[in-house]
């Protein structure tokens, strides 16, 4: 029982440390902050920031193969 209690006392500090190391921040608490975050995320997605390069390459290869099959 003592081990469980001591372990549970360590968890919050470890979680906070993990979040800080990985740049994870809490969700905004005000409506204005939520709107700003949504605008920032929408801008990133519209600029292509939401899609990793591997997916771009994959679809570019698929497109190229499709166009080649049309020419043949």
Protein backbone atom coordinates (compact mmCIF):
# COMPACT_ATOMS: atom_id res chain seq x y z
CA UNK A 1 0.00 0.00 0.00
CA UNK A 2 2.84 2.39 0.82
CA UNK A 3 4.49 1.72 -2.55
CA UNK A 4 1.28 2.62 -4.41
CA UNK A 5 0.93 5.83 -2.43
CA UNK A 6 4.53 6.89 -3.12
CA UNK A 7 4.21 6.02 -6.80
CA UNK A 8 1.02 8.05 -7.17
CA UNK A 9 2.71 11.01 -5.50
CA UNK A 10 5.46 10.96 -8.17
CA UNK A 11 3.19 10.78 -11.22
CA UNK A 12 2.07 14.44 -11.43
CA UNK A 13 5.66 15.71 -11.32
CA UNK A 14 6.74 13.21 -13.96
CA UNK A 15 3.84 14.19 -16.21
CA UNK A 16 4.64 17.89 -15.92
CA UNK A 17 8.29 17.18 -16.66
CA UNK A 18 7.31 15.15 -19.76
CA UNK A 19 4.98 17.91 -20.98
CA UNK A 20 7.66 20.58 -20.57
CA UNK A 21 10.32 18.50 -22.35
CA UNK A 22 8.00 17.87 -25.31
CA UNK A 23 6.56 21.38 -25.53
CA UNK A 24 3.03 20.31 -24.61
CA UNK A 25 1.00 23.22 -23.28
CA UNK A 26 -2.45 23.19 -21.67
CA UNK A 27 -5.47 24.13 -23.73
CA UNK A 28 -6.41 27.81 -23.62
CA UNK A 29 -8.84 28.80 -20.93
CA UNK A 30 -10.44 31.85 -22.53
CA UNK A 31 -12.59 32.00 -25.64
CA UNK A 32 -10.26 34.57 -27.21
CA UNK A 33 -7.24 32.30 -26.72
CA UNK A 34 -9.18 29.39 -28.26
CA UNK A 35 -10.01 31.49 -31.32
CA UNK A 36 -6.39 32.51 -31.76
CA UNK A 37 -5.24 28.89 -31.51
CA UNK A 38 -7.85 27.78 -34.05
CA UNK A 39 -6.76 30.51 -36.47
CA UNK A 40 -3.11 29.51 -36.08
CA UNK A 41 -3.88 25.83 -36.73
CA UNK A 42 -6.06 26.67 -39.74
CA UNK A 43 -3.27 28.80 -41.20
CA UNK A 44 -0.75 26.01 -40.74
CA UNK A 45 -3.05 23.50 -42.45
CA UNK A 46 -3.77 25.85 -45.35
CA UNK A 47 -0.03 26.33 -45.88
CA UNK A 48 0.52 22.58 -45.98
CA UNK A 49 1.98 22.36 -42.51
CA UNK A 50 -0.35 19.55 -41.53
CA UNK A 51 0.89 16.98 -44.04
CA UNK A 52 4.24 15.24 -43.60
CA UNK A 53 6.62 15.09 -46.56
CA UNK A 54 6.32 11.29 -46.86
CA UNK A 55 2.62 11.58 -47.68
CA UNK A 56 3.36 14.23 -50.31
CA UNK A 57 5.94 11.94 -51.90
CA UNK A 58 3.59 8.95 -51.80
CA UNK A 59 0.81 10.78 -53.61
CA UNK A 60 3.22 12.33 -56.10
CA UNK A 61 4.42 8.85 -57.02
CA UNK A 62 0.84 7.58 -57.34
CA UNK A 63 -0.02 10.49 -59.61
CA UNK A 64 3.03 9.88 -61.79
CA UNK A 65 2.20 6.17 -62.17
CA UNK A 66 -1.40 7.02 -63.04
CA UNK A 67 -0.34 9.54 -65.70
CA UNK A 68 2.11 7.04 -67.18
CA UNK A 69 -0.60 4.38 -67.36
CA UNK A 70 -2.86 6.84 -69.22
CA UNK A 71 -0.14 7.55 -71.77
CA UNK A 72 0.40 3.82 -72.45
